[in-house]
C-alpha cells in the first residue's frame, strides 16, 4: 500500500470515543475498532495484518517510537502523544496508552493501545518538542545515529525540566 502524502487537514474524533488496536509482537495489526478505522479512513481488512506504522506520520520523531518500543518490549506501559496519518493524508492527534498483552501461558503475545483525544494545549506543547527532536534527527543523517541523538536530546530536555518522561507527559 502506497504511503499517503500528508495534508494540512486535521481529523477529529469525539472525546467520548476511544481508538483501540491490538498488534502481534512484531507490531502487525490484529484488531482495529470502528473508531480507528473511521478516523484513519481504512477498512478493518486494510489494517489487519499490516504494520501499525501504516498510520505513522512523518512529523513523528523516531525517538518517540524508540522509547515506546523499549518500554513495551520490556513489559512496561507508555503514554505518548502521537500524530497519526490517515489514508488520505490527513492527520489526527492522540494520547496513546500502549501496554503488552499476555497469553494464557503468561507470556507476551502482542500489544494493546487505547487512544484518546488529547488536550489542545498538550498538542501545542508537544509539537514544539517534536520539531526539536526532528531537527536533531535530521541533522544526524543515519537512522541509528538519529535515534541515538534524539534520545540524548530528549534526556537533556527532561533533565532541564527536572522530570521523567512520564512526569513530562502527564504535566502537559
C-alpha atoms as a PDB file:
ATOM      1  CA  UNK A   1       0.000   0.000   0.000  1.00  0.00           C
ATOM      2  CA  UNK A   2       1.387   3.370  -1.031  1.00  0.00           C
ATOM      3  CA  UNK A   3       2.004   5.886   1.778  1.00  0.00           C
ATOM      4  CA  UNK A   4      -0.280   8.924   1.506  1.00  0.00           C
ATOM      5  CA  UNK A   5       1.122  12.392   1.001  1.00  0.00           C
ATOM      6  CA  UNK A   6       0.474  14.363   4.212  1.00  0.00           C
ATOM      7  CA  UNK A   7      -2.068  17.170   4.012  1.00  0.00           C
ATOM      8  CA  UNK A   8      -2.511  20.041   6.432  1.00  0.00           C
ATOM      9  CA  UNK A   9      -6.049  18.897   7.318  1.00  0.00           C
ATOM     10  CA  UNK A  10      -6.724  17.629  10.803  1.00  0.00           C
ATOM     11  CA  UNK A  11      -9.276  14.928  11.545  1.00  0.00           C
ATOM     12  CA  UNK A  12     -11.107  14.746  14.867  1.00  0.00           C
ATOM     13  CA  UNK A  13     -12.925  12.166  16.895  1.00  0.00           C
ATOM     14  CA  UNK A  14     -15.236  12.673  19.850  1.00  0.00           C
ATOM     15  CA  UNK A  15     -13.900  12.954  23.395  1.00  0.00           C
ATOM     16  CA  UNK A  16     -16.190  10.093  24.378  1.00  0.00           C
ATOM     17  CA  UNK A  17     -14.578   7.783  21.812  1.00  0.00           C
ATOM     18  CA  UNK A  18     -11.516   5.586  22.224  1.00  0.00           C
ATOM     19  CA  UNK A  19      -9.386   4.341  19.365  1.00  0.00           C
ATOM     20  CA  UNK A  20      -8.389   0.749  20.102  1.00  0.00           C
ATOM     21  CA  UNK A  21      -5.978  -1.525  18.309  1.00  0.00           C
ATOM     22  CA  UNK A  22      -4.046  -4.665  19.060  1.00  0.00           C
ATOM     23  CA  UNK A  23      -0.897  -5.944  17.411  1.00  0.00           C
ATOM     24  CA  UNK A  24       1.239  -9.051  17.452  1.00  0.00           C
ATOM     25  CA  UNK A  25       4.760  -8.907  18.875  1.00  0.00           C
ATOM     26  CA  UNK A  26       6.119  -7.574  15.570  1.00  0.00           C
ATOM     27  CA  UNK A  27       3.655  -4.667  15.513  1.00  0.00           C
ATOM     28  CA  UNK A  28       1.261  -6.073  12.890  1.00  0.00           C
ATOM     29  CA  UNK A  29      -2.360  -5.104  13.495  1.00  0.00           C
ATOM     30  CA  UNK A  30      -4.532  -7.972  14.751  1.00  0.00           C
ATOM     31  CA  UNK A  31      -7.536  -5.844  15.768  1.00  0.00           C
ATOM     32  CA  UNK A  32      -8.796  -2.373  14.890  1.00  0.00           C
ATOM     33  CA  UNK A  33     -12.005  -0.965  16.337  1.00  0.00           C
ATOM     34  CA  UNK A  34     -14.556   1.028  14.362  1.00  0.00           C
ATOM     35  CA  UNK A  35     -13.216   4.371  15.617  1.00  0.00           C
ATOM     36  CA  UNK A  36      -9.683   3.535  14.451  1.00  0.00           C
ATOM     37  CA  UNK A  37     -10.976   2.506  11.026  1.00  0.00           C
ATOM     38  CA  UNK A  38     -13.184   5.577  10.666  1.00  0.00           C
ATOM     39  CA  UNK A  39     -10.624   8.168  11.799  1.00  0.00           C
ATOM     40  CA  UNK A  40      -7.806   6.528   9.850  1.00  0.00           C
ATOM     41  CA  UNK A  41     -10.104   6.076   6.826  1.00  0.00           C
ATOM     42  CA  UNK A  42      -9.154   2.397   6.481  1.00  0.00           C
ATOM     43  CA  UNK A  43     -11.335  -0.673   6.408  1.00  0.00           C
ATOM     44  CA  UNK A  44     -10.573  -3.311   9.016  1.00  0.00           C
ATOM     45  CA  UNK A  45      -9.321  -5.569   6.190  1.00  0.00           C
ATOM     46  CA  UNK A  46      -6.860  -2.870   5.112  1.00  0.00           C
ATOM     47  CA  UNK A  47      -5.394  -2.688   8.628  1.00  0.00           C
ATOM     48  CA  UNK A  48      -5.354  -6.263   9.927  1.00  0.00           C
ATOM     49  CA  UNK A  49      -2.061  -7.938   9.108  1.00  0.00           C
ATOM     50  CA  UNK A  50      -0.362  -4.649   8.255  1.00  0.00           C
ATOM     51  CA  UNK A  51       2.334  -2.956  10.351  1.00  0.00           C
ATOM     52  CA  UNK A  52       0.777  -0.487  12.800  1.00  0.00           C
ATOM     53  CA  UNK A  53       3.252   2.001  11.381  1.00  0.00           C
ATOM     54  CA  UNK A  54       0.842   2.320   8.430  1.00  0.00           C
ATOM     55  CA  UNK A  55      -0.533   5.330  10.352  1.00  0.00           C
ATOM     56  CA  UNK A  56       2.861   6.807  11.294  1.00  0.00           C
ATOM     57  CA  UNK A  57       3.001  10.470  10.361  1.00  0.00           C
ATOM     58  CA  UNK A  58       6.378  11.796   9.136  1.00  0.00           C
ATOM     59  CA  UNK A  59       6.137  14.583  11.740  1.00  0.00           C
ATOM     60  CA  UNK A  60       6.674  11.965  14.458  1.00  0.00           C
ATOM     61  CA  UNK A  61      10.241  11.664  15.731  1.00  0.00           C
ATOM     62  CA  UNK A  62      11.827   8.208  15.578  1.00  0.00           C
ATOM     63  CA  UNK A  63      12.935   8.897  19.138  1.00  0.00           C
ATOM     64  CA  UNK A  64       9.368   8.608  20.456  1.00  0.00           C
ATOM     65  CA  UNK A  65       8.821   5.217  18.816  1.00  0.00           C
ATOM     66  CA  UNK A  66      12.210   4.020  20.042  1.00  0.00           C
ATOM     67  CA  UNK A  67      11.165   4.882  23.594  1.00  0.00           C
ATOM     68  CA  UNK A  68       7.744   3.285  23.076  1.00  0.00           C
ATOM     69  CA  UNK A  69       9.202   0.001  21.813  1.00  0.00           C
ATOM     70  CA  UNK A  70      11.822  -0.123  24.587  1.00  0.00           C
ATOM     71  CA  UNK A  71       9.119   0.287  27.216  1.00  0.00           C
ATOM     72  CA  UNK A  72       6.596  -2.215  25.899  1.00  0.00           C
ATOM     73  CA  UNK A  73       9.139  -4.871  24.895  1.00  0.00           C
ATOM     74  CA  UNK A  74      10.427  -4.839  28.480  1.00  0.00           C
ATOM     75  CA  UNK A  75       6.897  -5.357  29.808  1.00  0.00           C
ATOM     76  CA  UNK A  76       6.184  -1.738  30.703  1.00  0.00           C
ATOM     77  CA  UNK A  77       3.488   0.634  29.591  1.00  0.00           C
ATOM     78  CA  UNK A  78       3.785   4.032  27.992  1.00  0.00           C
ATOM     79  CA  UNK A  79       1.679   7.105  27.432  1.00  0.00           C
ATOM     80  CA  UNK A  80       2.641   9.209  24.426  1.00  0.00           C
ATOM     81  CA  UNK A  81       1.244  11.978  22.284  1.00  0.00           C
ATOM     82  CA  UNK A  82       1.195  10.739  18.702  1.00  0.00           C
ATOM     83  CA  UNK A  83       0.385  12.408  15.409  1.00  0.00           C
ATOM     84  CA  UNK A  84      -1.103   9.794  13.089  1.00  0.00           C
ATOM     85  CA  UNK A  85      -1.635   9.759   9.349  1.00  0.00           C
ATOM     86  CA  UNK A  86      -4.998   8.879   7.791  1.00  0.00           C
ATOM     87  CA  UNK A  87      -5.283   7.021   4.499  1.00  0.00           C
ATOM     88  CA  UNK A  88      -5.998  10.266   2.608  1.00  0.00           C
ATOM     89  CA  UNK A  89      -3.007  12.103   4.148  1.00  0.00           C
ATOM     90  CA  UNK A  90      -4.943  13.988   6.836  1.00  0.00           C
ATOM     91  CA  UNK A  91      -3.614  13.801  10.386  1.00  0.00           C
ATOM     92  CA  UNK A  92      -5.050  13.278  13.841  1.00  0.00           C
ATOM     93  CA  UNK A  93      -3.525  13.622  17.290  1.00  0.00           C
ATOM     94  CA  UNK A  94      -3.992  11.073  20.056  1.00  0.00           C
ATOM     95  CA  UNK A  95      -2.874  10.457  23.606  1.00  0.00           C
ATOM     96  CA  UNK A  96      -1.877   6.807  23.344  1.00  0.00           C
ATOM     97  CA  UNK A  97      -1.605   4.307  26.174  1.00  0.00           C
ATOM     98  CA  UNK A  98       0.273   1.228  24.969  1.00  0.00           C
ATOM     99  CA  UNK A  99       0.705  -1.947  27.008  1.00  0.00           C
ATOM    100  CA  UNK A 100       1.858  -5.505  26.404  1.00  0.00           C
ATOM    101  CA  UNK A 101      -0.815  -8.210  26.138  1.00  0.00           C
ATOM    102  CA  UNK A 102      -0.270 -11.661  27.624  1.00  0.00           C
ATOM    103  CA  UNK A 103      -1.421 -15.111  26.551  1.00  0.00           C
ATOM    104  CA  UNK A 104      -2.818 -17.857  28.773  1.00  0.00           C
ATOM    105  CA  UNK A 105       0.767 -19.019  29.387  1.00  0.00           C
ATOM    106  CA  UNK A 106       1.634 -15.640  30.911  1.00  0.00           C
ATOM    107  CA  UNK A 107       3.989 -14.764  28.063  1.00  0.00           C
ATOM    108  CA  UNK A 108       3.680 -11.588  25.976  1.00  0.00           C
ATOM    109  CA  UNK A 109       1.710 -12.239  22.789  1.00  0.00           C
ATOM    110  CA  UNK A 110       1.180  -8.720  21.494  1.00  0.00           C
ATOM    111  CA  UNK A 111       0.409  -5.132  22.362  1.00  0.00           C
ATOM    112  CA  UNK A 112      -2.746  -3.198  23.109  1.00  0.00           C
ATOM    113  CA  UNK A 113      -3.267   0.510  22.532  1.00  0.00           C
ATOM    114  CA  UNK A 114      -6.071   2.804  23.673  1.00  0.00           C
ATOM    115  CA  UNK A 115      -6.012   6.308  22.255  1.00  0.00           C
ATOM    116  CA  UNK A 116      -7.996   9.303  23.418  1.00  0.00           C
ATOM    117  CA  UNK A 117      -8.472  12.871  22.266  1.00  0.00           C
ATOM    118  CA  UNK A 118      -5.588  14.906  23.716  1.00  0.00           C
ATOM    119  CA  UNK A 119      -5.915  18.358  25.252  1.00  0.00           C
ATOM    120  CA  UNK A 120      -5.180  21.037  22.630  1.00  0.00           C
ATOM    121  CA  UNK A 121      -2.664  22.721  24.958  1.00  0.00           C
ATOM    122  CA  UNK A 122      -0.766  19.427  25.277  1.00  0.00           C
ATOM    123  CA  UNK A 123      -0.609  19.064  21.492  1.00  0.00           C
ATOM    124  CA  UNK A 124       0.761  22.586  21.149  1.00  0.00           C
ATOM    125  CA  UNK A 125       3.422  21.894  23.768  1.00  0.00           C
ATOM    126  CA  UNK A 126       4.455  18.535  22.338  1.00  0.00           C
ATOM    127  CA  UNK A 127       4.618  19.858  18.765  1.00  0.00           C
ATOM    128  CA  UNK A 128       7.481  22.153  19.777  1.00  0.00           C
ATOM    129  CA  UNK A 129       9.355  19.276  21.429  1.00  0.00           C
ATOM    130  CA  UNK A 130       8.788  17.014  18.417  1.00  0.00           C
ATOM    131  CA  UNK A 131      10.022  19.702  15.988  1.00  0.00           C
ATOM    132  CA  UNK A 132      13.198  19.976  18.056  1.00  0.00           C
ATOM    133  CA  UNK A 133      13.673  16.186  18.052  1.00  0.00           C
ATOM    134  CA  UNK A 134      13.023  16.011  14.297  1.00  0.00           C
ATOM    135  CA  UNK A 135      15.670  18.683  13.707  1.00  0.00           C
ATOM    136  CA  UNK A 136      18.195  16.743  15.791  1.00  0.00           C
ATOM    137  CA  UNK A 137      17.341  13.512  13.976  1.00  0.00           C
ATOM    138  CA  UNK A 138      17.585  15.146  10.530  1.00  0.00           C
ATOM    139  CA  UNK A 139      20.991  16.619  11.331  1.00  0.00           C
ATOM    140  CA  UNK A 140      22.284  13.174  12.315  1.00  0.00           C
ATOM    141  CA  UNK A 141      21.551  11.634   8.915  1.00  0.00           C
ATOM    142  CA  UNK A 142      21.967   7.920   9.647  1.00  0.00           C
ATOM    143  CA  UNK A 143      18.748   6.483  11.194  1.00  0.00           C
ATOM    144  CA  UNK A 144      20.526   4.764  14.110  1.00  0.00           C
ATOM    145  CA  UNK A 145      22.561   7.854  14.865  1.00  0.00           C
ATOM    146  CA  UNK A 146      19.377   9.928  14.536  1.00  0.00           C
ATOM    147  CA  UNK A 147      17.671   7.886  17.253  1.00  0.00           C
ATOM    148  CA  UNK A 148      20.745   7.976  19.500  1.00  0.00           C
ATOM    149  CA  UNK A 149      20.989  11.762  19.194  1.00  0.00           C
ATOM    150  CA  UNK A 150      17.223  12.171  19.539  1.00  0.00           C
ATOM    151  CA  UNK A 151      17.194  10.146  22.761  1.00  0.00           C
ATOM    152  CA  UNK A 152      20.106  12.219  24.094  1.00  0.00           C
ATOM    153  CA  UNK A 153      18.229  15.431  23.242  1.00  0.00           C
ATOM    154  CA  UNK A 154      15.030  14.205  24.903  1.00  0.00           C
ATOM    155  CA  UNK A 155      17.006  13.220  28.024  1.00  0.00           C
ATOM    156  CA  UNK A 156      18.574  16.695  28.034  1.00  0.00           C
ATOM    157  CA  UNK A 157      15.149  18.378  27.785  1.00  0.00           C
ATOM    158  CA  UNK A 158      13.759  16.228  30.587  1.00  0.00           C
ATOM    159  CA  UNK A 159      16.786  16.948  32.786  1.00  0.00           C
ATOM    160  CA  UNK A 160      16.285  20.691  32.219  1.00  0.00           C
ATOM    161  CA  UNK A 161      12.675  20.291  33.335  1.00  0.00           C
ATOM    162  CA  UNK A 162      13.630  18.080  36.271  1.00  0.00           C
ATOM    163  CA  UNK A 163      11.106  15.480  35.120  1.00  0.00           C
ATOM    164  CA  UNK A 164      10.986  11.898  33.985  1.00  0.00           C
ATOM    165  CA  UNK A 165       9.380  11.160  30.631  1.00  0.00           C
ATOM    166  CA  UNK A 166       6.162  10.055  32.353  1.00  0.00           C
ATOM    167  CA  UNK A 167       6.053  13.180  34.538  1.00  0.00           C
ATOM    168  CA  UNK A 168       6.548  15.315  31.450  1.00  0.00           C
ATOM    169  CA  UNK A 169       3.715  13.651  29.515  1.00  0.00           C
ATOM    170  CA  UNK A 170       1.321  13.895  32.459  1.00  0.00           C
ATOM    171  CA  UNK A 171       2.262  17.555  33.042  1.00  0.00           C
ATOM    172  CA  UNK A 172       1.026  18.637  29.602  1.00  0.00           C
END
